[in-house]
Amino acid sequence: AARDAAAKLGVDASFSDAKGDANTQNDQINSLLVGGAKGIVIA
């Protein structure tokens, strides 16, 4: 659903999956930021 919403809004969306590990998620978010993301949704 998030992918569909991003498509309708015309934004480039990249997804990450922490597989239940908080440290992995921290690294992934920083990778998204380094990759140029100017907006982040974190669950």
PDB file of all heavy atoms in Angstrom:
ATOM      1  N   ALA A   1       0.825  -1.205   0.000  1.00  0.00           N
ATOM      2  CA  ALA A   1       0.000   0.000   0.000  1.00  0.00           C
ATOM      3  C   ALA A   1       0.861   1.259   0.000  1.00  0.00           C
ATOM      4  O   ALA A   1       0.534   2.254  -0.665  1.00  0.00           O
ATOM      5  CB  ALA A   1      -0.931  -0.007   1.213  1.00  0.00           C
ATOM      6  N   ALA A   2       1.966   1.230   0.738  1.00  0.00           N
ATOM      7  CA  ALA A   2       2.876   2.378   0.767  1.00  0.00           C
ATOM      8  C   ALA A   2       3.486   2.622  -0.611  1.00  0.00           C
ATOM      9  O   ALA A   2       3.629   3.764  -1.065  1.00  0.00           O
ATOM     10  CB  ALA A   2       3.968   2.157   1.801  1.00  0.00           C
ATOM     11  N   ARG A   3       3.850   1.540  -1.297  1.00  0.00           N
ATOM     12  CA  ARG A   3       4.407   1.661  -2.639  1.00  0.00           C
ATOM     13  C   ARG A   3       3.384   2.294  -3.590  1.00  0.00           C
ATOM     14  O   ARG A   3       3.722   3.170  -4.394  1.00  0.00           O
ATOM     15  CB  ARG A   3       4.835   0.288  -3.160  1.00  0.00           C
ATOM     16  CG  ARG A   3       5.471   0.321  -4.536  1.00  0.00           C
ATOM     17  CD  ARG A   3       5.917  -1.051  -4.998  1.00  0.00           C
ATOM     18  NE  ARG A   3       7.123  -1.485  -4.299  1.00  0.00           N
ATOM     19  CZ  ARG A   3       7.171  -2.476  -3.422  1.00  0.00           C
ATOM     20  NH1 ARG A   3       6.058  -3.148  -3.120  1.00  0.00           N
ATOM     21  NH2 ARG A   3       8.296  -2.812  -2.841  1.00  0.00           N
ATOM     22  N   ASP A   4       2.133   1.852  -3.490  1.00  0.00           N
ATOM     23  CA  ASP A   4       1.080   2.416  -4.338  1.00  0.00           C
ATOM     24  C   ASP A   4       0.877   3.901  -4.041  1.00  0.00           C
ATOM     25  O   ASP A   4       0.703   4.716  -4.963  1.00  0.00           O
ATOM     26  CB  ASP A   4      -0.234   1.664  -4.120  1.00  0.00           C
ATOM     27  CG  ASP A   4      -0.209   0.250  -4.679  1.00  0.00           C
ATOM     28  OD1 ASP A   4       0.689  -0.059  -5.498  1.00  0.00           O
ATOM     29  OD2 ASP A   4      -1.079  -0.557  -4.290  1.00  0.00           O
ATOM     30  N   ALA A   5       0.891   4.262  -2.775  1.00  0.00           N
ATOM     31  CA  ALA A   5       0.694   5.659  -2.398  1.00  0.00           C
ATOM     32  C   ALA A   5       1.835   6.533  -2.915  1.00  0.00           C
ATOM     33  O   ALA A   5       1.609   7.644  -3.418  1.00  0.00           O
ATOM     34  CB  ALA A   5       0.586   5.780  -0.871  1.00  0.00           C
ATOM     35  N   ALA A   6       3.062   6.028  -2.813  1.00  0.00           N
ATOM     36  CA  ALA A   6       4.214   6.779  -3.317  1.00  0.00           C
ATOM     37  C   ALA A   6       4.110   6.986  -4.821  1.00  0.00           C
ATOM     38  O   ALA A   6       4.426   8.067  -5.346  1.00  0.00           O
ATOM     39  CB  ALA A   6       5.507   6.047  -2.963  1.00  0.00           C
ATOM     40  N   ALA A   7       3.661   5.950  -5.525  1.00  0.00           N
ATOM     41  CA  ALA A   7       3.508   6.062  -6.979  1.00  0.00           C
ATOM     42  C   ALA A   7       2.490   7.137  -7.339  1.00  0.00           C
ATOM     43  O   ALA A   7       2.711   7.946  -8.249  1.00  0.00           O
ATOM     44  CB  ALA A   7       3.085   4.715  -7.554  1.00  0.00           C
ATOM     45  N   LYS A   8       1.387   7.173  -6.631  1.00  0.00           N
ATOM     46  CA  LYS A   8       0.351   8.173  -6.919  1.00  0.00           C
ATOM     47  C   LYS A   8       0.837   9.589  -6.640  1.00  0.00           C
ATOM     48  O   LYS A   8       0.426  10.541  -7.303  1.00  0.00           O
ATOM     49  CB  LYS A   8      -0.905   7.867  -6.101  1.00  0.00           C
ATOM     50  CG  LYS A   8      -1.646   6.623  -6.558  1.00  0.00           C
ATOM     51  CD  LYS A   8      -2.862   6.335  -5.683  1.00  0.00           C
ATOM     52  CE  LYS A   8      -3.560   5.060  -6.139  1.00  0.00           C
ATOM     53  NZ  LYS A   8      -4.734   4.732  -5.257  1.00  0.00           N
ATOM     54  N   LEU A   9       1.719   9.715  -5.660  1.00  0.00           N
ATOM     55  CA  LEU A   9       2.223  11.035  -5.296  1.00  0.00           C
ATOM     56  C   LEU A   9       3.441  11.449  -6.109  1.00  0.00           C
ATOM     57  O   LEU A   9       3.907  12.581  -6.011  1.00  0.00           O
ATOM     58  CB  LEU A   9       2.565  11.057  -3.802  1.00  0.00           C
ATOM     59  CG  LEU A   9       1.361  10.975  -2.870  1.00  0.00           C
ATOM     60  CD1 LEU A   9       1.804  10.658  -1.443  1.00  0.00           C
ATOM     61  CD2 LEU A   9       0.567  12.273  -2.905  1.00  0.00           C
ATOM     62  N   GLY A  10       3.981  10.519  -6.896  1.00  0.00           N
ATOM     63  CA  GLY A  10       5.105  10.847  -7.756  1.00  0.00           C
ATOM     64  C   GLY A  10       6.415  11.016  -7.034  1.00  0.00           C
ATOM     65  O   GLY A  10       7.226  11.872  -7.398  1.00  0.00           O
ATOM     66  N   VAL A  11       6.661  10.229  -6.004  1.00  0.00           N
ATOM     67  CA  VAL A  11       7.934  10.294  -5.292  1.00  0.00           C
ATOM     68  C   VAL A  11       8.681   8.976  -5.452  1.00  0.00           C
ATOM     69  O   VAL A  11       8.078   7.930  -5.692  1.00  0.00           O
ATOM     70  CB  VAL A  11       7.734  10.599  -3.789  1.00  0.00           C
ATOM     71  CG1 VAL A  11       7.105  11.966  -3.605  1.00  0.00           C
ATOM     72  CG2 VAL A  11       6.884   9.525  -3.112  1.00  0.00           C
ATOM     73  N   ASP A  12       9.999   9.035  -5.318  1.00  0.00           N
ATOM     74  CA  ASP A  12      10.824   7.831  -5.320  1.00  0.00           C
ATOM     75  C   ASP A  12      10.884   7.295  -3.901  1.00  0.00           C
ATOM     76  O   ASP A  12      11.356   7.982  -2.991  1.00  0.00           O
ATOM     77  CB  ASP A  12      12.252   8.136  -5.799  1.00  0.00           C
ATOM     78  CG  ASP A  12      12.354   8.263  -7.297  1.00  0.00           C
ATOM     79  OD1 ASP A  12      11.436   7.803  -7.996  1.00  0.00           O
ATOM     80  OD2 ASP A  12      13.344   8.835  -7.786  1.00  0.00           O
ATOM     81  N   ALA A  13      10.428   6.063  -3.706  1.00  0.00           N
ATOM     82  CA  ALA A  13      10.396   5.467  -2.369  1.00  0.00           C
ATOM     83  C   ALA A  13      11.315   4.256  -2.314  1.00  0.00           C
ATOM     84  O   ALA A  13      11.261   3.388  -3.173  1.00  0.00           O
ATOM     85  CB  ALA A  13       8.973   5.049  -2.003  1.00  0.00           C
ATOM     86  N   SER A  14      12.172   4.219  -1.299  1.00  0.00           N
ATOM     87  CA  SER A  14      13.017   3.065  -1.043  1.00  0.00           C
ATOM     88  C   SER A  14      12.616   2.455   0.288  1.00  0.00           C
ATOM     89  O   SER A  14      12.326   3.184   1.252  1.00  0.00           O
ATOM     90  CB  SER A  14      14.495   3.468  -0.994  1.00  0.00           C
ATOM     91  OG  SER A  14      14.929   3.927  -2.251  1.00  0.00           O
ATOM     92  N   PHE A  15      12.602   1.116   0.345  1.00  0.00           N
ATOM     93  CA  PHE A  15      12.146   0.396   1.528  1.00  0.00           C
ATOM     94  C   PHE A  15      13.307  -0.384   2.148  1.00  0.00           C
ATOM     95  O   PHE A  15      14.194  -0.867   1.448  1.00  0.00           O
ATOM     96  CB  PHE A  15      11.021  -0.581   1.161  1.00  0.00           C
ATOM     97  CG  PHE A  15       9.768   0.077   0.687  1.00  0.00           C
ATOM     98  CD1 PHE A  15       9.651   0.552  -0.608  1.00  0.00           C
ATOM     99  CD2 PHE A  15       8.698   0.242   1.552  1.00  0.00           C
ATOM    100  CE1 PHE A  15       8.491   1.167  -1.050  1.00  0.00           C
ATOM    101  CE2 PHE A  15       7.535   0.853   1.125  1.00  0.00           C
ATOM    102  CZ  PHE A  15       7.435   1.321  -0.181  1.00  0.00           C
ATOM    103  N   SER A  16      13.274  -0.509   3.463  1.00  0.00           N
ATOM    104  CA  SER A  16      14.230  -1.364   4.158  1.00  0.00           C
ATOM    105  C   SER A  16      13.482  -2.242   5.144  1.00  0.00           C
ATOM    106  O   SER A  16      12.397  -1.889   5.618  1.00  0.00           O
ATOM    107  CB  SER A  16      15.299  -0.542   4.875  1.00  0.00           C
ATOM    108  OG  SER A  16      14.739   0.238   5.909  1.00  0.00           O
ATOM    109  N   ASP A  17      14.063  -3.386   5.445  1.00  0.00           N
ATOM    110  CA  ASP A  17      13.454  -4.364   6.351  1.00  0.00           C
ATOM    111  C   ASP A  17      14.483  -4.736   7.416  1.00  0.00           C
ATOM    112  O   ASP A  17      15.506  -5.352   7.120  1.00  0.00           O
ATOM    113  CB  ASP A  17      13.021  -5.598   5.562  1.00  0.00           C
ATOM    114  CG  ASP A  17      12.475  -6.723   6.438  1.00  0.00           C
ATOM    115  OD1 ASP A  17      12.292  -6.503   7.656  1.00  0.00           O
ATOM    116  OD2 ASP A  17      12.229  -7.819   5.902  1.00  0.00           O
ATOM    117  N   ALA A  18      14.216  -4.364   8.665  1.00  0.00           N
ATOM    118  CA  ALA A  18      15.171  -4.594   9.755  1.00  0.00           C
ATOM    119  C   ALA A  18      15.165  -6.023  10.259  1.00  0.00           C
ATOM    120  O   ALA A  18      16.025  -6.403  11.054  1.00  0.00           O
ATOM    121  CB  ALA A  18      14.871  -3.650  10.914  1.00  0.00           C
ATOM    122  N   LYS A  19      14.179  -6.801   9.854  1.00  0.00           N
ATOM    123  CA  LYS A  19      14.062  -8.204  10.289  1.00  0.00           C
ATOM    124  C   LYS A  19      14.107  -8.329  11.819  1.00  0.00           C
ATOM    125  O   LYS A  19      14.730  -9.231  12.377  1.00  0.00           O
ATOM    126  CB  LYS A  19      15.143  -9.071   9.645  1.00  0.00           C
ATOM    127  CG  LYS A  19      15.077  -9.064   8.121  1.00  0.00           C
ATOM    128  CD  LYS A  19      16.039 -10.063   7.528  1.00  0.00           C
ATOM    129  CE  LYS A  19      16.084  -9.950   6.010  1.00  0.00           C
ATOM    130  NZ  LYS A  19      14.774 -10.138   5.365  1.00  0.00           N
ATOM    131  N   GLY A  20      13.466  -7.348  12.470  1.00  0.00           N
ATOM    132  CA  GLY A  20      13.331  -7.410  13.917  1.00  0.00           C
ATOM    133  C   GLY A  20      14.539  -6.967  14.711  1.00  0.00           C
ATOM    134  O   GLY A  20      14.561  -7.121  15.933  1.00  0.00           O
ATOM    135  N   ASP A  21      15.548  -6.366  14.063  1.00  0.00           N
ATOM    136  CA  ASP A  21      16.764  -5.953  14.767  1.00  0.00           C
ATOM    137  C   ASP A  21      16.880  -4.433  14.759  1.00  0.00           C
ATOM    138  O   ASP A  21      16.970  -3.809  13.693  1.00  0.00           O
ATOM    139  CB  ASP A  21      17.985  -6.573  14.110  1.00  0.00           C
ATOM    140  CG  ASP A  21      19.259  -6.272  14.884  1.00  0.00           C
ATOM    141  OD1 ASP A  21      19.556  -7.010  15.837  1.00  0.00           O
ATOM    142  OD2 ASP A  21      19.938  -5.282  14.530  1.00  0.00           O
ATOM    143  N   ALA A  22      16.903  -3.831  15.949  1.00  0.00           N
ATOM    144  CA  ALA A  22      16.912  -2.373  16.064  1.00  0.00           C
ATOM    145  C   ALA A  22      18.197  -1.756  15.525  1.00  0.00           C
ATOM    146  O   ALA A  22      18.170  -0.710  14.866  1.00  0.00           O
ATOM    147  CB  ALA A  22      16.697  -1.962  17.518  1.00  0.00           C
ATOM    148  N   ASN A  23      19.336  -2.372  15.794  1.00  0.00           N
ATOM    149  CA  ASN A  23      20.598  -1.827  15.298  1.00  0.00           C
ATOM    150  C   ASN A  23      20.654  -1.850  13.771  1.00  0.00           C
ATOM    151  O   ASN A  23      21.143  -0.899  13.139  1.00  0.00           O
ATOM    152  CB  ASN A  23      21.780  -2.615  15.878  1.00  0.00           C
ATOM    153  CG  ASN A  23      21.956  -2.377  17.360  1.00  0.00           C
ATOM    154  OD1 ASN A  23      21.660  -1.294  17.862  1.00  0.00           O
ATOM    155  ND2 ASN A  23      22.434  -3.389  18.071  1.00  0.00           N
ATOM    156  N   THR A  24      20.144  -2.919  13.196  1.00  0.00           N
ATOM    157  CA  THR A  24      20.072  -2.990  11.736  1.00  0.00           C
ATOM    158  C   THR A  24      19.213  -1.863  11.195  1.00  0.00           C
ATOM    159  O   THR A  24      19.556  -1.225  10.193  1.00  0.00           O
ATOM    160  CB  THR A  24      19.493  -4.350  11.294  1.00  0.00           C
ATOM    161  OG1 THR A  24      20.382  -5.390  11.694  1.00  0.00           O
ATOM    162  CG2 THR A  24      19.293  -4.402   9.788  1.00  0.00           C
ATOM    163  N   GLN A  25      18.104  -1.598  11.868  1.00  0.00           N
ATOM    164  CA  GLN A  25      17.214  -0.534  11.397  1.00  0.00           C
ATOM    165  C   GLN A  25      17.893   0.832  11.480  1.00  0.00           C
ATOM    166  O   GLN A  25      17.739   1.665  10.569  1.00  0.00           O
ATOM    167  CB  GLN A  25      15.910  -0.527  12.201  1.00  0.00           C
ATOM    168  CG  GLN A  25      14.855   0.406  11.609  1.00  0.00           C
ATOM    169  CD  GLN A  25      13.497   0.191  12.225  1.00  0.00           C
ATOM    170  OE1 GLN A  25      13.347   0.258  13.437  1.00  0.00           O
ATOM    171  NE2 GLN A  25      12.490  -0.046  11.392  1.00  0.00           N
ATOM    172  N   ASN A  26      18.650   1.083  12.531  1.00  0.00           N
ATOM    173  CA  ASN A  26      19.390   2.340  12.617  1.00  0.00           C
ATOM    174  C   ASN A  26      20.337   2.491  11.429  1.00  0.00           C
ATOM    175  O   ASN A  26      20.408   3.557  10.797  1.00  0.00           O
ATOM    176  CB  ASN A  26      20.184   2.393  13.923  1.00  0.00           C
ATOM    177  CG  ASN A  26      19.304   2.589  15.139  1.00  0.00           C
ATOM    178  OD1 ASN A  26      18.164   3.037  15.034  1.00  0.00           O
ATOM    179  ND2 ASN A  26      19.837   2.253  16.305  1.00  0.00           N
ATOM    180  N   ASP A  27      21.084   1.433  11.113  1.00  0.00           N
ATOM    181  CA  ASP A  27      22.007   1.469   9.979  1.00  0.00           C
ATOM    182  C   ASP A  27      21.260   1.696   8.661  1.00  0.00           C
ATOM    183  O   ASP A  27      21.711   2.461   7.794  1.00  0.00           O
ATOM    184  CB  ASP A  27      22.801   0.168   9.892  1.00  0.00           C
ATOM    185  CG  ASP A  27      23.817   0.010  11.014  1.00  0.00           C
ATOM    186  OD1 ASP A  27      24.172   1.024  11.646  1.00  0.00           O
ATOM    187  OD2 ASP A  27      24.244  -1.139  11.264  1.00  0.00           O
ATOM    188  N   GLN A  28      20.126   1.034   8.517  1.00  0.00           N
ATOM    189  CA  GLN A  28      19.357   1.158   7.281  1.00  0.00           C
ATOM    190  C   GLN A  28      18.837   2.581   7.077  1.00  0.00           C
ATOM    191  O   GLN A  28      18.857   3.109   5.957  1.00  0.00           O
ATOM    192  CB  GLN A  28      18.197   0.163   7.286  1.00  0.00           C
ATOM    193  CG  GLN A  28      18.645  -1.284   7.130  1.00  0.00           C
ATOM    194  CD  GLN A  28      17.503  -2.267   7.282  1.00  0.00           C
ATOM    195  OE1 GLN A  28      16.464  -1.951   7.863  1.00  0.00           O
ATOM    196  NE2 GLN A  28      17.689  -3.466   6.769  1.00  0.00           N
ATOM    197  N   ILE A  29      18.373   3.195   8.151  1.00  0.00           N
ATOM    198  CA  ILE A  29      17.857   4.562   8.025  1.00  0.00           C
ATOM    199  C   ILE A  29      18.981   5.524   7.651  1.00  0.00           C
ATOM    200  O   ILE A  29      18.811   6.405   6.801  1.00  0.00           O
ATOM    201  CB  ILE A  29      17.151   4.989   9.322  1.00  0.00           C
ATOM    202  CG1 ILE A  29      15.826   4.223   9.451  1.00  0.00           C
ATOM    203  CG2 ILE A  29      16.888   6.501   9.337  1.00  0.00           C
ATOM    204  CD1 ILE A  29      15.108   4.428  10.743  1.00  0.00           C
ATOM    205  N   ASN A  30      20.134   5.354   8.254  1.00  0.00           N
ATOM    206  CA  ASN A  30      21.263   6.197   7.884  1.00  0.00           C
ATOM    207  C   ASN A  30      21.676   5.969   6.438  1.00  0.00           C
ATOM    208  O   ASN A  30      22.088   6.900   5.742  1.00  0.00           O
ATOM    209  CB  ASN A  30      22.409   5.948   8.850  1.00  0.00           C
ATOM    210  CG  ASN A  30      22.204   6.695  10.159  1.00  0.00           C
ATOM    211  OD1 ASN A  30      22.431   7.900  10.232  1.00  0.00           O
ATOM    212  ND2 ASN A  30      21.743   5.999  11.184  1.00  0.00           N
ATOM    213  N   SER A  31      21.551   4.753   5.958  1.00  0.00           N
ATOM    214  CA  SER A  31      21.831   4.470   4.554  1.00  0.00           C
ATOM    215  C   SER A  31      20.826   5.173   3.645  1.00  0.00           C
ATOM    216  O   SER A  31      21.190   5.705   2.585  1.00  0.00           O
ATOM    217  CB  SER A  31      21.789   2.959   4.303  1.00  0.00           C
ATOM    218  OG  SER A  31      22.816   2.313   5.008  1.00  0.00           O
ATOM    219  N   LEU A  32      19.581   5.179   4.050  1.00  0.00           N
ATOM    220  CA  LEU A  32      18.567   5.900   3.281  1.00  0.00           C
ATOM    221  C   LEU A  32      18.877   7.387   3.229  1.00  0.00           C
ATOM    222  O   LEU A  32      18.730   8.035   2.192  1.00  0.00           O
ATOM    223  CB  LEU A  32      17.183   5.668   3.897  1.00  0.00           C
ATOM    224  CG  LEU A  32      16.604   4.260   3.762  1.00  0.00           C
ATOM    225  CD1 LEU A  32      15.400   4.074   4.688  1.00  0.00           C
ATOM    226  CD2 LEU A  32      16.196   3.975   2.316  1.00  0.00           C
ATOM    227  N   LEU A  33      19.342   7.929   4.348  1.00  0.00           N
ATOM    228  CA  LEU A  33      19.685   9.354   4.391  1.00  0.00           C
ATOM    229  C   LEU A  33      20.886   9.658   3.510  1.00  0.00           C
ATOM    230  O   LEU A  33      20.895  10.636   2.755  1.00  0.00           O
ATOM    231  CB  LEU A  33      19.961   9.773   5.837  1.00  0.00           C
ATOM    232  CG  LEU A  33      18.749   9.734   6.785  1.00  0.00           C
ATOM    233  CD1 LEU A  33      19.193   9.914   8.231  1.00  0.00           C
ATOM    234  CD2 LEU A  33      17.727  10.798   6.404  1.00  0.00           C
ATOM    235  N   VAL A  34      21.910   8.831   3.585  1.00  0.00           N
ATOM    236  CA  VAL A  34      23.086   9.002   2.734  1.00  0.00           C
ATOM    237  C   VAL A  34      22.700   8.880   1.263  1.00  0.00           C
ATOM    238  O   VAL A  34      23.253   9.549   0.387  1.00  0.00           O
ATOM    239  CB  VAL A  34      24.177   7.978   3.105  1.00  0.00           C
ATOM    240  CG1 VAL A  34      25.288   7.953   2.065  1.00  0.00           C
ATOM    241  CG2 VAL A  34      24.754   8.298   4.472  1.00  0.00           C
ATOM    242  N   GLY A  35      21.721   8.051   0.979  1.00  0.00           N
ATOM    243  CA  GLY A  35      21.245   7.873  -0.386  1.00  0.00           C
ATOM    244  C   GLY A  35      20.399   9.012  -0.905  1.00  0.00           C
ATOM    245  O   GLY A  35      19.951   8.978  -2.045  1.00  0.00           O
ATOM    246  N   GLY A  36      20.149  10.018  -0.063  1.00  0.00           N
ATOM    247  CA  GLY A  36      19.453  11.208  -0.535  1.00  0.00           C
ATOM    248  C   GLY A  36      18.008  11.345  -0.123  1.00  0.00           C
ATOM    249  O   GLY A  36      17.313  12.270  -0.581  1.00  0.00           O
ATOM    250  N   ALA A  37      17.520  10.452   0.739  1.00  0.00           N
ATOM    251  CA  ALA A  37      16.131  10.571   1.185  1.00  0.00           C
ATOM    252  C   ALA A  37      15.955  11.838   2.008  1.00  0.00           C
ATOM    253  O   ALA A  37      16.705  12.090   2.952  1.00  0.00           O
ATOM    254  CB  ALA A  37      15.733   9.358   2.009  1.00  0.00           C
ATOM    255  N   LYS A  38      14.971  12.645   1.656  1.00  0.00           N
ATOM    256  CA  LYS A  38      14.673  13.864   2.395  1.00  0.00           C
ATOM    257  C   LYS A  38      13.436  13.717   3.265  1.00  0.00           C
ATOM    258  O   LYS A  38      12.999  14.666   3.914  1.00  0.00           O
ATOM    259  CB  LYS A  38      14.505  15.037   1.432  1.00  0.00           C
ATOM    260  CG  LYS A  38      15.828  15.464   0.810  1.00  0.00           C
ATOM    261  CD  LYS A  38      16.836  15.844   1.889  1.00  0.00           C
ATOM    262  CE  LYS A  38      18.186  16.227   1.328  1.00  0.00           C
ATOM    263  NZ  LYS A  38      19.162  16.525   2.418  1.00  0.00           N
ATOM    264  N   GLY A  39      12.869  12.527   3.267  1.00  0.00           N
ATOM    265  CA  GLY A  39      11.756  12.204   4.142  1.00  0.00           C
ATOM    266  C   GLY A  39      11.835  10.746   4.524  1.00  0.00           C
ATOM    267  O   GLY A  39      12.164   9.906   3.693  1.00  0.00           O
ATOM    268  N   ILE A  40      11.582  10.450   5.791  1.00  0.00           N
ATOM    269  CA  ILE A  40      11.654   9.078   6.294  1.00  0.00           C
ATOM    270  C   ILE A  40      10.390   8.751   7.073  1.00  0.00           C
ATOM    271  O   ILE A  40       9.936   9.544   7.908  1.00  0.00           O
ATOM    272  CB  ILE A  40      12.859   8.878   7.239  1.00  0.00           C
ATOM    273  CG1 ILE A  40      14.186   9.129   6.514  1.00  0.00           C
ATOM    274  CG2 ILE A  40      12.832   7.480   7.867  1.00  0.00           C
ATOM    275  CD1 ILE A  40      14.604   8.051   5.548  1.00  0.00           C
ATOM    276  N   VAL A  41       9.832   7.575   6.817  1.00  0.00           N
ATOM    277  CA  VAL A  41       8.818   6.980   7.687  1.00  0.00           C
ATOM    278  C   VAL A  41       9.467   5.799   8.379  1.00  0.00           C
ATOM    279  O   VAL A  41       9.973   4.895   7.707  1.00  0.00           O
ATOM    280  CB  VAL A  41       7.577   6.483   6.917  1.00  0.00           C
ATOM    281  CG1 VAL A  41       6.573   5.859   7.891  1.00  0.00           C
ATOM    282  CG2 VAL A  41       6.926   7.610   6.136  1.00  0.00           C
ATOM    283  N   ILE A  42       9.458   5.793   9.700  1.00  0.00           N
ATOM    284  CA  ILE A  42       9.977   4.647  10.429  1.00  0.00           C
ATOM    285  C   ILE A  42       8.871   4.009  11.252  1.00  0.00           C
ATOM    286  O   ILE A  42       8.143   4.687  11.973  1.00  0.00           O
ATOM    287  CB  ILE A  42      11.159   5.012  11.360  1.00  0.00           C
ATOM    288  CG1 ILE A  42      11.570   3.784  12.198  1.00  0.00           C
ATOM    289  CG2 ILE A  42      10.857   6.213  12.226  1.00  0.00           C
ATOM    290  CD1 ILE A  42      12.775   3.972  13.085  1.00  0.00           C
ATOM    291  N   ALA A  43       8.738   2.692  11.103  1.00  0.00           N
ATOM    292  CA  ALA A  43       7.956   1.871  12.033  1.00  0.00           C
ATOM    293  C   ALA A  43       8.998   1.131  12.861  1.00  0.00           C
ATOM    294  O   ALA A  43       9.616   0.180  12.387  1.00  0.00           O
ATOM    295  CB  ALA A  43       7.048   0.907  11.285  1.00  0.00           C
TER     296      ALA A  43
END
